[in-house]
Amino acid sequence: MKEAPSFDKDSQVTRLGAATFAANLTKPFCVGTVPNGGYVASVFLRVAREYLSVRNQPDPIAAHWQFLHATHQGPAVLVVEDVKPGRGVSVVHVALYQGELLPQEPWVSPKSKKRAVSYITNSLLVAEEGITLPTGFDIKDPPPPVDLELLAKGVDANWERLYMSIMDHVPILNNLEFYAPKDCPFRPASYDFWLRMANSETFTNASLGYVSDAGPPLLVETFRPVDADAEIPAGGFAIDKMFWYPTVTMSLEVKKALAPQGEEWLRLRVAAKVVKNGRYDAEVIVFDQKGEVVALSNHVALAVDIERNTSRSEKL
């Protein structure tokens, strides 16, 4: 595998006080000047894990994020508020601040800006008990079978490494390896991926925020020509038209815990129902290697001119 930035290292948090944590949002996980929303969401999940581990509630089971202002590369302070402490399940509110931060308590100044907030519900997933029912759920048009050992070598019969031209312009997309079905054109705004980190790291419960936001930006990209000589897909746009896909809101529900050592591979089904006037929805289903549902995620996101990102004048 090629060298890639460490997601585990770059999403670390440090406790500053009883309910205050520090993080450093890094350039390798930025889209242009703005950190990826899923990467930021995983920083929130790590804060909740650290804060609630004392209650033996390390695992997220549900979370919702509202991105109020664009975050930036650099230091951030996250402040936790207990909303519903419980013996089995607890809910916290977490707010991320940047700008005019202080070197000591209270760490956040009146001039600091609250850039993102989240409600996160944690428990201990392996301790969950209760009724289990066979729902018969399945996705429409399931993807072809895979041999992950062969896929890792690039010789699986049904899947191949995905390349999109946006990957040349948005380096964060190369922090993950995307694999798509061979000889199977993307359905409009719906597709399947196998994913793994572009280094030796594995996916953990905390990285599910990052994983859930990996696919939605590529929904719009399926309407871009595959190369300069290809025709523009129906309803699509020119190959040199560049967009930024900021997340407005994002939710996550975790159905099962990943292995303690993490998982090398996860599969995504990503789909949008409406892309209109620069705004789109995204539904993400995360599966493990056994085909079991790991997590569900829903997004409200924008598709705006790239200048909205690159010409930002606000700096830390």
C-alpha atoms as a PDB file:
ATOM      1  CA  MET A   1       0.000   0.000   0.000  1.00  0.00           C
ATOM      2  CA  LYS A   2       1.149   3.544  -0.688  1.00  0.00           C
ATOM      3  CA  GLU A   3       2.033   5.954   2.065  1.00  0.00           C
ATOM      4  CA  ALA A   4      -0.904   7.999   3.300  1.00  0.00           C
ATOM      5  CA  PRO A   5      -1.574  10.273   6.269  1.00  0.00           C
ATOM      6  CA  SER A   6      -2.564   8.587   9.504  1.00  0.00           C
ATOM      7  CA  PHE A   7      -6.270   8.996  10.189  1.00  0.00           C
ATOM      8  CA  ASP A   8      -5.776   7.648  13.693  1.00  0.00           C
ATOM      9  CA  LYS A   9      -3.079  10.217  14.489  1.00  0.00           C
ATOM     10  CA  ASP A  10      -4.722  13.155  12.747  1.00  0.00           C
ATOM     11  CA  SER A  11      -8.070  12.630  14.501  1.00  0.00           C
ATOM     12  CA  GLN A  12      -6.624  12.282  18.016  1.00  0.00           C
ATOM     13  CA  VAL A  13      -8.040  14.344  20.863  1.00  0.00           C
ATOM     14  CA  THR A  14      -6.388  15.444  24.105  1.00  0.00           C
ATOM     15  CA  ARG A  15      -8.239  16.071  27.348  1.00  0.00           C
ATOM     16  CA  LEU A  16      -7.798  19.635  28.637  1.00  0.00           C
ATOM     17  CA  GLY A  17     -10.273  19.441  31.504  1.00  0.00           C
ATOM     18  CA  ALA A  18     -13.215  17.458  32.814  1.00  0.00           C
ATOM     19  CA  ALA A  19     -15.372  18.300  29.772  1.00  0.00           C
ATOM     20  CA  THR A  20     -12.950  20.025  27.406  1.00  0.00           C
ATOM     21  CA  PHE A  21     -10.779  18.485  24.683  1.00  0.00           C
ATOM     22  CA  ALA A  22      -8.259  19.714  22.126  1.00  0.00           C
ATOM     23  CA  ALA A  23      -7.861  18.548  18.540  1.00  0.00           C
ATOM     24  CA  ASN A  24      -5.767  19.612  15.575  1.00  0.00           C
ATOM     25  CA  LEU A  25      -7.481  19.492  12.183  1.00  0.00           C
ATOM     26  CA  THR A  26      -4.820  18.677   9.609  1.00  0.00           C
ATOM     27  CA  LYS A  27      -4.236  19.600   5.975  1.00  0.00           C
ATOM     28  CA  PRO A  28      -4.220  15.998   4.633  1.00  0.00           C
ATOM     29  CA  PHE A  29      -7.886  15.692   5.616  1.00  0.00           C
ATOM     30  CA  CYS A  30      -8.971  19.009   4.111  1.00  0.00           C
ATOM     31  CA  VAL A  31     -10.881  19.605   0.890  1.00  0.00           C
ATOM     32  CA  GLY A  32      -9.167  22.754  -0.321  1.00  0.00           C
ATOM     33  CA  THR A  33      -9.096  24.963   2.772  1.00  0.00           C
ATOM     34  CA  VAL A  34     -11.831  23.159   4.735  1.00  0.00           C
ATOM     35  CA  PRO A  35     -11.505  19.907   6.731  1.00  0.00           C
ATOM     36  CA  ASN A  36     -13.747  17.103   5.488  1.00  0.00           C
ATOM     37  CA  GLY A  37     -17.027  16.924   7.416  1.00  0.00           C
ATOM     38  CA  GLY A  38     -16.758  13.196   8.056  1.00  0.00           C
ATOM     39  CA  TYR A  39     -13.232  13.612   9.408  1.00  0.00           C
ATOM     40  CA  VAL A  40     -14.494  16.324  11.761  1.00  0.00           C
ATOM     41  CA  ALA A  41     -17.408  14.069  12.764  1.00  0.00           C
ATOM     42  CA  SER A  42     -14.959  11.332  13.748  1.00  0.00           C
ATOM     43  CA  VAL A  43     -13.106  13.818  15.975  1.00  0.00           C
ATOM     44  CA  PHE A  44     -16.448  14.388  17.747  1.00  0.00           C
ATOM     45  CA  LEU A  45     -16.918  10.624  18.140  1.00  0.00           C
ATOM     46  CA  ARG A  46     -13.486  10.296  19.718  1.00  0.00           C
ATOM     47  CA  VAL A  47     -14.328  13.070  22.177  1.00  0.00           C
ATOM     48  CA  ALA A  48     -17.572  11.319  23.152  1.00  0.00           C
ATOM     49  CA  ARG A  49     -15.698   8.036  23.551  1.00  0.00           C
ATOM     50  CA  GLU A  50     -13.098   9.578  25.840  1.00  0.00           C
ATOM     51  CA  TYR A  51     -15.687  11.452  27.873  1.00  0.00           C
ATOM     52  CA  LEU A  52     -18.062   8.499  28.338  1.00  0.00           C
ATOM     53  CA  SER A  53     -15.541   5.684  28.729  1.00  0.00           C
ATOM     54  CA  VAL A  54     -15.540   6.306  32.479  1.00  0.00           C
ATOM     55  CA  ARG A  55     -19.173   5.129  32.402  1.00  0.00           C
ATOM     56  CA  ASN A  56     -18.216   2.169  30.195  1.00  0.00           C
ATOM     57  CA  GLN A  57     -20.193   3.703  27.317  1.00  0.00           C
ATOM     58  CA  PRO A  58     -17.512   4.061  24.631  1.00  0.00           C
ATOM     59  CA  ASP A  59     -19.582   3.220  21.541  1.00  0.00           C
ATOM     60  CA  PRO A  60     -21.691   5.607  19.470  1.00  0.00           C
ATOM     61  CA  ILE A  61     -25.152   4.295  18.666  1.00  0.00           C
ATOM     62  CA  ALA A  62     -26.600   7.503  17.229  1.00  0.00           C
ATOM     63  CA  ALA A  63     -25.312  10.970  16.401  1.00  0.00           C
ATOM     64  CA  HIS A  64     -26.373  14.092  14.557  1.00  0.00           C
ATOM     65  CA  TRP A  65     -24.099  16.913  13.379  1.00  0.00           C
ATOM     66  CA  GLN A  66     -24.920  20.438  12.341  1.00  0.00           C
ATOM     67  CA  PHE A  67     -22.092  22.253  10.554  1.00  0.00           C
ATOM     68  CA  LEU A  68     -22.667  25.903  11.409  1.00  0.00           C
ATOM     69  CA  HIS A  69     -19.565  27.463   9.870  1.00  0.00           C
ATOM     70  CA  ALA A  70     -16.698  26.051   7.863  1.00  0.00           C
ATOM     71  CA  THR A  71     -13.927  24.621  10.005  1.00  0.00           C
ATOM     72  CA  HIS A  72     -10.271  25.301   9.218  1.00  0.00           C
ATOM     73  CA  GLN A  73      -6.959  23.552   9.404  1.00  0.00           C
ATOM     74  CA  GLY A  74      -5.447  24.041  12.829  1.00  0.00           C
ATOM     75  CA  PRO A  75      -6.310  23.810  16.527  1.00  0.00           C
ATOM     76  CA  ALA A  76      -9.825  23.302  17.808  1.00  0.00           C
ATOM     77  CA  VAL A  77     -11.396  22.989  21.240  1.00  0.00           C
ATOM     78  CA  LEU A  78     -14.397  20.760  21.838  1.00  0.00           C
ATOM     79  CA  VAL A  79     -16.646  21.283  24.849  1.00  0.00           C
ATOM     80  CA  VAL A  80     -18.929  18.534  26.161  1.00  0.00           C
ATOM     81  CA  GLU A  81     -22.233  19.055  27.952  1.00  0.00           C
ATOM     82  CA  ASP A  82     -24.052  16.207  29.673  1.00  0.00           C
ATOM     83  CA  VAL A  83     -27.598  16.121  28.314  1.00  0.00           C
ATOM     84  CA  LYS A  84     -28.831  12.756  29.577  1.00  0.00           C
ATOM     85  CA  PRO A  85     -26.417  10.742  31.704  1.00  0.00           C
ATOM     86  CA  GLY A  86     -27.666   7.199  32.136  1.00  0.00           C
ATOM     87  CA  ARG A  87     -26.546   3.801  33.373  1.00  0.00           C
ATOM     88  CA  GLY A  88     -26.900   2.129  29.978  1.00  0.00           C
ATOM     89  CA  VAL A  89     -27.159   4.982  27.496  1.00  0.00           C
ATOM     90  CA  SER A  90     -25.950   8.568  27.742  1.00  0.00           C
ATOM     91  CA  VAL A  91     -26.458  11.604  25.518  1.00  0.00           C
ATOM     92  CA  VAL A  92     -23.935  14.434  25.243  1.00  0.00           C
ATOM     93  CA  HIS A  93     -23.867  17.704  23.351  1.00  0.00           C
ATOM     94  CA  VAL A  94     -20.478  18.562  21.877  1.00  0.00           C
ATOM     95  CA  ALA A  95     -19.489  21.917  20.371  1.00  0.00           C
ATOM     96  CA  LEU A  96     -16.326  22.601  18.354  1.00  0.00           C
ATOM     97  CA  TYR A  97     -14.710  26.040  18.566  1.00  0.00           C
ATOM     98  CA  GLN A  98     -11.932  27.626  16.516  1.00  0.00           C
ATOM     99  CA  GLY A  99     -10.331  31.040  16.421  1.00  0.00           C
ATOM    100  CA  GLU A 100      -9.103  33.202  19.311  1.00  0.00           C
ATOM    101  CA  LEU A 101      -8.567  30.114  21.497  1.00  0.00           C
ATOM    102  CA  LEU A 102      -6.923  30.553  24.887  1.00  0.00           C
ATOM    103  CA  PRO A 103      -3.753  28.765  26.129  1.00  0.00           C
ATOM    104  CA  GLN A 104      -5.384  27.950  29.467  1.00  0.00           C
ATOM    105  CA  GLU A 105      -8.788  27.394  31.059  1.00  0.00           C
ATOM    106  CA  PRO A 106     -11.476  28.227  29.904  1.00  0.00           C
ATOM    107  CA  TRP A 107      -9.647  27.584  26.567  1.00  0.00           C
ATOM    108  CA  VAL A 108     -12.422  29.274  24.537  1.00  0.00           C
ATOM    109  CA  SER A 109     -12.670  33.072  24.407  1.00  0.00           C
ATOM    110  CA  PRO A 110     -15.744  35.234  23.697  1.00  0.00           C
ATOM    111  CA  LYS A 111     -14.283  35.787  20.225  1.00  0.00           C
ATOM    112  CA  SER A 112     -13.997  32.071  19.442  1.00  0.00           C
ATOM    113  CA  LYS A 113     -16.501  30.844  16.872  1.00  0.00           C
ATOM    114  CA  LYS A 114     -18.698  27.783  17.388  1.00  0.00           C
ATOM    115  CA  ARG A 115     -18.262  25.989  14.073  1.00  0.00           C
ATOM    116  CA  ALA A 116     -19.978  22.623  14.486  1.00  0.00           C
ATOM    117  CA  VAL A 117     -22.210  20.963  17.079  1.00  0.00           C
ATOM    118  CA  SER A 118     -23.440  17.451  17.682  1.00  0.00           C
ATOM    119  CA  TYR A 119     -25.703  15.357  19.862  1.00  0.00           C
ATOM    120  CA  ILE A 120     -24.111  11.952  20.405  1.00  0.00           C
ATOM    121  CA  THR A 121     -25.685   8.927  22.103  1.00  0.00           C
ATOM    122  CA  ASN A 122     -23.271   6.323  23.460  1.00  0.00           C
ATOM    123  CA  SER A 123     -23.578   2.927  25.067  1.00  0.00           C
ATOM    124  CA  LEU A 124     -21.669  -0.366  25.201  1.00  0.00           C
ATOM    125  CA  LEU A 125     -22.730  -2.160  22.019  1.00  0.00           C
ATOM    126  CA  VAL A 126     -21.544  -5.641  23.033  1.00  0.00           C
ATOM    127  CA  ALA A 127     -23.736  -5.432  26.153  1.00  0.00           C
ATOM    128  CA  GLU A 128     -26.965  -4.703  24.259  1.00  0.00           C
ATOM    129  CA  GLU A 129     -29.735  -7.217  24.878  1.00  0.00           C
ATOM    130  CA  GLY A 130     -33.307  -7.487  23.697  1.00  0.00           C
ATOM    131  CA  ILE A 131     -35.547  -8.692  20.932  1.00  0.00           C
ATOM    132  CA  THR A 132     -33.951  -9.476  17.561  1.00  0.00           C
ATOM    133  CA  LEU A 133     -36.178  -9.986  14.510  1.00  0.00           C
ATOM    134  CA  PRO A 134     -35.466 -11.125  10.929  1.00  0.00           C
ATOM    135  CA  THR A 135     -36.576  -8.122   8.864  1.00  0.00           C
ATOM    136  CA  GLY A 136     -35.580  -9.550   5.471  1.00  0.00           C
ATOM    137  CA  PHE A 137     -33.941  -6.252   4.532  1.00  0.00           C
ATOM    138  CA  ASP A 138     -31.909  -6.198   1.335  1.00  0.00           C
ATOM    139  CA  ILE A 139     -30.792  -3.510  -1.074  1.00  0.00           C
ATOM    140  CA  LYS A 140     -32.072  -3.201  -4.617  1.00  0.00           C
ATOM    141  CA  ASP A 141     -29.683  -4.479  -7.300  1.00  0.00           C
ATOM    142  CA  PRO A 142     -27.092  -5.917  -4.903  1.00  0.00           C
ATOM    143  CA  PRO A 143     -23.457  -5.711  -6.038  1.00  0.00           C
ATOM    144  CA  PRO A 144     -21.508  -8.709  -7.373  1.00  0.00           C
ATOM    145  CA  PRO A 145     -19.609 -11.051  -5.039  1.00  0.00           C
ATOM    146  CA  VAL A 146     -16.042 -10.298  -4.069  1.00  0.00           C
ATOM    147  CA  ASP A 147     -12.910 -12.129  -2.983  1.00  0.00           C
ATOM    148  CA  LEU A 148     -11.185  -9.608  -0.733  1.00  0.00           C
ATOM    149  CA  GLU A 149      -7.846 -11.420  -0.842  1.00  0.00           C
ATOM    150  CA  LEU A 150      -7.859 -11.128  -4.630  1.00  0.00           C
ATOM    151  CA  LEU A 151      -9.184  -7.574  -4.470  1.00  0.00           C
ATOM    152  CA  ALA A 152      -6.233  -6.576  -2.289  1.00  0.00           C
ATOM    153  CA  LYS A 153      -3.990  -7.819  -5.117  1.00  0.00           C
ATOM    154  CA  GLY A 154      -6.057  -6.051  -7.772  1.00  0.00           C
ATOM    155  CA  VAL A 155      -7.138  -9.267  -9.502  1.00  0.00           C
ATOM    156  CA  ASP A 156     -10.711  -9.833  -8.292  1.00  0.00           C
ATOM    157  CA  ALA A 157     -12.982 -10.957 -11.145  1.00  0.00           C
ATOM    158  CA  ASN A 158     -15.806  -8.546 -10.323  1.00  0.00           C
ATOM    159  CA  TRP A 159     -14.261  -5.455  -8.716  1.00  0.00           C
ATOM    160  CA  GLU A 160     -11.510  -2.981  -9.621  1.00  0.00           C
ATOM    161  CA  ARG A 161      -9.803   0.103  -8.176  1.00  0.00           C
ATOM    162  CA  LEU A 162     -11.920   3.174  -8.854  1.00  0.00           C
ATOM    163  CA  TYR A 163     -10.495   6.247 -10.523  1.00  0.00           C
ATOM    164  CA  MET A 164     -12.370   9.536 -10.992  1.00  0.00           C
ATOM    165  CA  SER A 165     -10.745  12.713 -12.287  1.00  0.00           C
ATOM    166  CA  ILE A 166     -11.702  14.557  -9.081  1.00  0.00           C
ATOM    167  CA  MET A 167      -9.138  12.382  -7.282  1.00  0.00           C
ATOM    168  CA  ASP A 168      -6.396  14.338  -9.072  1.00  0.00           C
ATOM    169  CA  HIS A 169      -7.653  17.591  -7.540  1.00  0.00           C
ATOM    170  CA  VAL A 170      -8.885  16.546  -4.081  1.00  0.00           C
ATOM    171  CA  PRO A 171      -6.017  14.711  -2.334  1.00  0.00           C
ATOM    172  CA  ILE A 172      -8.150  13.605   0.623  1.00  0.00           C
ATOM    173  CA  LEU A 173      -9.930  11.146  -1.667  1.00  0.00           C
ATOM    174  CA  ASN A 174      -6.629   9.289  -2.032  1.00  0.00           C
ATOM    175  CA  ASN A 175      -6.474   8.654   1.731  1.00  0.00           C
ATOM    176  CA  LEU A 176      -8.918   5.828   0.994  1.00  0.00           C
ATOM    177  CA  GLU A 177      -8.885   3.127  -1.654  1.00  0.00           C
ATOM    178  CA  PHE A 178     -12.221   2.897  -3.487  1.00  0.00           C
ATOM    179  CA  TYR A 179     -13.167  -0.225  -5.439  1.00  0.00           C
ATOM    180  CA  ALA A 180     -16.192  -0.403  -7.757  1.00  0.00           C
ATOM    181  CA  PRO A 181     -17.819  -3.214  -9.765  1.00  0.00           C
ATOM    182  CA  LYS A 182     -16.182  -3.918 -13.133  1.00  0.00           C
ATOM    183  CA  ASP A 183     -18.023  -3.255 -16.382  1.00  0.00           C
ATOM    184  CA  CYS A 184     -20.988  -1.909 -14.451  1.00  0.00           C
ATOM    185  CA  PRO A 185     -21.810   1.726 -15.239  1.00  0.00           C
ATOM    186  CA  PHE A 186     -22.933   3.816 -12.302  1.00  0.00           C
ATOM    187  CA  ARG A 187     -26.663   4.134 -11.978  1.00  0.00           C
ATOM    188  CA  PRO A 188     -27.580   7.816 -11.717  1.00  0.00           C
ATOM    189  CA  ALA A 189     -26.738   8.937  -8.180  1.00  0.00           C
ATOM    190  CA  SER A 190     -26.424   5.390  -6.787  1.00  0.00           C
ATOM    191  CA  TYR A 191     -23.404   3.147  -6.475  1.00  0.00           C
ATOM    192  CA  ASP A 192     -21.519   0.517  -4.441  1.00  0.00           C
ATOM    193  CA  PHE A 193     -17.958   0.647  -3.127  1.00  0.00           C
ATOM    194  CA  TRP A 194     -15.556  -1.498  -1.198  1.00  0.00           C
ATOM    195  CA  LEU A 195     -13.281   0.703   0.921  1.00  0.00           C
ATOM    196  CA  ARG A 196     -10.053   0.385   2.833  1.00  0.00           C
ATOM    197  CA  MET A 197      -7.546   2.857   4.216  1.00  0.00           C
ATOM    198  CA  ALA A 198      -4.673   3.678   1.852  1.00  0.00           C
ATOM    199  CA  ASN A 199      -2.245   2.662   4.606  1.00  0.00           C
ATOM    200  CA  SER A 200      -2.186  -0.197   7.098  1.00  0.00           C
ATOM    201  CA  GLU A 201      -4.773   1.333   9.465  1.00  0.00           C
ATOM    202  CA  THR A 202      -8.162  -0.259   9.990  1.00  0.00           C
ATOM    203  CA  PHE A 203     -11.663   1.134  10.372  1.00  0.00           C
ATOM    204  CA  THR A 204     -12.897   1.520  13.951  1.00  0.00           C
ATOM    205  CA  ASN A 205     -16.157   2.692  15.488  1.00  0.00           C
ATOM    206  CA  ALA A 206     -14.702   6.202  15.750  1.00  0.00           C
ATOM    207  CA  SER A 207     -13.867   6.274  12.036  1.00  0.00           C
ATOM    208  CA  LEU A 208     -17.482   5.590  11.013  1.00  0.00           C
ATOM    209  CA  GLY A 209     -18.071   9.338  10.750  1.00  0.00           C
ATOM    210  CA  TYR A 210     -15.278   9.574   8.187  1.00  0.00           C
ATOM    211  CA  VAL A 211     -16.427   6.449   6.359  1.00  0.00           C
ATOM    212  CA  SER A 212     -20.023   7.651   6.154  1.00  0.00           C
ATOM    213  CA  ASP A 213     -18.957  10.892   4.473  1.00  0.00           C
ATOM    214  CA  ALA A 214     -16.539   9.265   2.016  1.00  0.00           C
ATOM    215  CA  GLY A 215     -19.115   8.412  -0.638  1.00  0.00           C
ATOM    216  CA  PRO A 216     -21.633  11.282  -0.876  1.00  0.00           C
ATOM    217  CA  PRO A 217     -19.308  13.749  -2.673  1.00  0.00           C
ATOM    218  CA  LEU A 218     -18.888  11.203  -5.475  1.00  0.00           C
ATOM    219  CA  LEU A 219     -22.644  11.114  -6.122  1.00  0.00           C
ATOM    220  CA  VAL A 220     -22.456  14.292  -8.183  1.00  0.00           C
ATOM    221  CA  GLU A 221     -19.171  13.182  -9.740  1.00  0.00           C
ATOM    222  CA  THR A 222     -20.920  10.292 -11.539  1.00  0.00           C
ATOM    223  CA  PHE A 223     -22.372  12.955 -13.848  1.00  0.00           C
ATOM    224  CA  ARG A 224     -18.907  14.112 -15.002  1.00  0.00           C
ATOM    225  CA  PRO A 225     -17.394  12.675 -18.228  1.00  0.00           C
ATOM    226  CA  VAL A 226     -14.815   9.983 -17.543  1.00  0.00           C
ATOM    227  CA  ASP A 227     -12.232  11.788 -19.714  1.00  0.00           C
ATOM    228  CA  ALA A 228     -11.864  14.822 -21.959  1.00  0.00           C
ATOM    229  CA  ASP A 229     -13.000  12.913 -25.058  1.00  0.00           C
ATOM    230  CA  ALA A 230     -16.088  11.357 -23.480  1.00  0.00           C
ATOM    231  CA  GLU A 231     -19.592  12.707 -23.911  1.00  0.00           C
ATOM    232  CA  ILE A 232     -21.203  14.580 -21.048  1.00  0.00           C
ATOM    233  CA  PRO A 233     -23.635  12.203 -19.301  1.00  0.00           C
ATOM    234  CA  ALA A 234     -27.325  13.028 -19.570  1.00  0.00           C
ATOM    235  CA  GLY A 235     -28.023  15.978 -17.291  1.00  0.00           C
ATOM    236  CA  GLY A 236     -24.338  16.218 -16.399  1.00  0.00           C
ATOM    237  CA  PHE A 237     -21.599  18.839 -16.699  1.00  0.00           C
ATOM    238  CA  ALA A 238     -18.238  19.464 -18.354  1.00  0.00           C
ATOM    239  CA  ILE A 239     -15.150  17.637 -17.188  1.00  0.00           C
ATOM    240  CA  ASP A 240     -13.431  20.870 -16.087  1.00  0.00           C
ATOM    241  CA  LYS A 241     -16.345  22.131 -13.956  1.00  0.00           C
ATOM    242  CA  MET A 242     -15.217  21.923 -10.335  1.00  0.00           C
ATOM    243  CA  PHE A 243     -17.442  21.742  -7.265  1.00  0.00           C
ATOM    244  CA  TRP A 244     -17.108  21.792  -3.486  1.00  0.00           C
ATOM    245  CA  TYR A 245     -19.439  19.489  -1.530  1.00  0.00           C
ATOM    246  CA  PRO A 246     -19.787  20.876   2.020  1.00  0.00           C
ATOM    247  CA  THR A 247     -21.905  18.897   4.471  1.00  0.00           C
ATOM    248  CA  VAL A 248     -24.775  20.834   6.074  1.00  0.00           C
ATOM    249  CA  THR A 249     -26.156  18.135   8.375  1.00  0.00           C
ATOM    250  CA  MET A 250     -25.222  14.513   8.927  1.00  0.00           C
ATOM    251  CA  SER A 251     -26.691  11.722  11.026  1.00  0.00           C
ATOM    252  CA  LEU A 252     -25.277   8.342  11.975  1.00  0.00           C
ATOM    253  CA  GLU A 253     -26.837   5.252  13.530  1.00  0.00           C
ATOM    254  CA  VAL A 254     -24.512   2.379  14.424  1.00  0.00           C
ATOM    255  CA  LYS A 255     -26.058  -1.101  14.284  1.00  0.00           C
ATOM    256  CA  LYS A 256     -23.102  -3.197  15.408  1.00  0.00           C
ATOM    257  CA  ALA A 257     -19.631  -2.685  16.816  1.00  0.00           C
ATOM    258  CA  LEU A 258     -16.638  -3.248  14.605  1.00  0.00           C
ATOM    259  CA  ALA A 259     -14.008  -5.695  15.791  1.00  0.00           C
ATOM    260  CA  PRO A 260     -11.787  -4.329  18.607  1.00  0.00           C
ATOM    261  CA  GLN A 261      -8.779  -4.480  16.286  1.00  0.00           C
ATOM    262  CA  GLY A 262     -10.752  -2.735  13.552  1.00  0.00           C
ATOM    263  CA  GLU A 263     -11.806  -3.886  10.083  1.00  0.00           C
ATOM    264  CA  GLU A 264      -9.676  -3.674   6.952  1.00  0.00           C
ATOM    265  CA  TRP A 265     -12.616  -3.596   4.524  1.00  0.00           C
ATOM    266  CA  LEU A 266     -16.076  -2.010   4.569  1.00  0.00           C
ATOM    267  CA  ARG A 267     -18.679  -1.817   1.806  1.00  0.00           C
ATOM    268  CA  LEU A 268     -20.882   1.192   1.061  1.00  0.00           C
ATOM    269  CA  ARG A 269     -24.163   1.632  -0.789  1.00  0.00           C
ATOM    270  CA  VAL A 270     -24.611   5.352  -1.444  1.00  0.00           C
ATOM    271  CA  ALA A 271     -27.640   6.930  -3.116  1.00  0.00           C
ATOM    272  CA  ALA A 272     -29.337  10.285  -3.623  1.00  0.00           C
ATOM    273  CA  LYS A 273     -33.012  10.888  -4.296  1.00  0.00           C
ATOM    274  CA  VAL A 274     -32.910  14.535  -5.439  1.00  0.00           C
ATOM    275  CA  VAL A 275     -30.054  16.757  -6.627  1.00  0.00           C
ATOM    276  CA  LYS A 276     -31.541  20.208  -7.191  1.00  0.00           C
ATOM    277  CA  ASN A 277     -30.438  23.835  -7.062  1.00  0.00           C
ATOM    278  CA  GLY A 278     -27.050  22.980  -5.613  1.00  0.00           C
ATOM    279  CA  ARG A 279     -28.368  20.851  -2.764  1.00  0.00           C
ATOM    280  CA  TYR A 280     -28.641  17.078  -2.502  1.00  0.00           C
ATOM    281  CA  ASP A 281     -29.449  14.310  -0.050  1.00  0.00           C
ATOM    282  CA  ALA A 282     -27.341  11.212   0.486  1.00  0.00           C
ATOM    283  CA  GLU A 283     -28.246   7.892   2.075  1.00  0.00           C
ATOM    284  CA  VAL A 284     -25.309   5.708   3.096  1.00  0.00           C
ATOM    285  CA  ILE A 285     -25.459   2.083   4.247  1.00  0.00           C
ATOM    286  CA  VAL A 286     -22.225   0.636   5.637  1.00  0.00           C
ATOM    287  CA  PHE A 287     -21.723  -3.141   5.490  1.00  0.00           C
ATOM    288  CA  ASP A 288     -18.983  -5.333   6.917  1.00  0.00           C
ATOM    289  CA  GLN A 289     -17.268  -8.244   5.163  1.00  0.00           C
ATOM    290  CA  LYS A 290     -20.079 -10.605   6.205  1.00  0.00           C
ATOM    291  CA  GLY A 291     -22.676  -8.394   4.531  1.00  0.00           C
ATOM    292  CA  GLU A 292     -24.136  -7.278   7.853  1.00  0.00           C
ATOM    293  CA  VAL A 293     -25.257  -3.681   8.272  1.00  0.00           C
ATOM    294  CA  VAL A 294     -22.774  -1.759  10.424  1.00  0.00           C
ATOM    295  CA  ALA A 295     -24.227   1.739  10.203  1.00  0.00           C
ATOM    296  CA  LEU A 296     -26.794   3.957   8.498  1.00  0.00           C
ATOM    297  CA  SER A 297     -26.126   7.588   7.651  1.00  0.00           C
ATOM    298  CA  ASN A 298     -28.088  10.406   6.041  1.00  0.00           C
ATOM    299  CA  HIS A 299     -26.753  13.726   4.771  1.00  0.00           C
ATOM    300  CA  VAL A 300     -27.847  17.114   3.558  1.00  0.00           C
ATOM    301  CA  ALA A 301     -25.041  18.526   1.428  1.00  0.00           C
ATOM    302  CA  LEU A 302     -24.342  21.260  -1.096  1.00  0.00           C
ATOM    303  CA  ALA A 303     -22.706  21.229  -4.515  1.00  0.00           C
ATOM    304  CA  VAL A 304     -21.291  24.733  -4.976  1.00  0.00           C
ATOM    305  CA  ASP A 305     -18.604  26.309  -7.141  1.00  0.00           C
ATOM    306  CA  ILE A 306     -15.115  25.469  -5.932  1.00  0.00           C
ATOM    307  CA  GLU A 307     -14.406  29.191  -5.561  1.00  0.00           C
ATOM    308  CA  ARG A 308     -16.633  29.157  -2.482  1.00  0.00           C
ATOM    309  CA  ASN A 309     -13.878  27.057  -0.882  1.00  0.00           C
ATOM    310  CA  THR A 310     -10.669  28.389  -2.362  1.00  0.00           C
ATOM    311  CA  SER A 311     -11.501  32.093  -2.094  1.00  0.00           C
ATOM    312  CA  ARG A 312     -12.453  32.027   1.587  1.00  0.00           C
ATOM    313  CA  SER A 313     -11.033  35.106   3.308  1.00  0.00           C
ATOM    314  CA  GLU A 314     -11.704  34.013   6.882  1.00  0.00           C
ATOM    315  CA  LYS A 315      -8.530  32.749   8.525  1.00  0.00           C
ATOM    316  CA  LEU A 316      -7.598  31.627  11.992  1.00  0.00           C
END
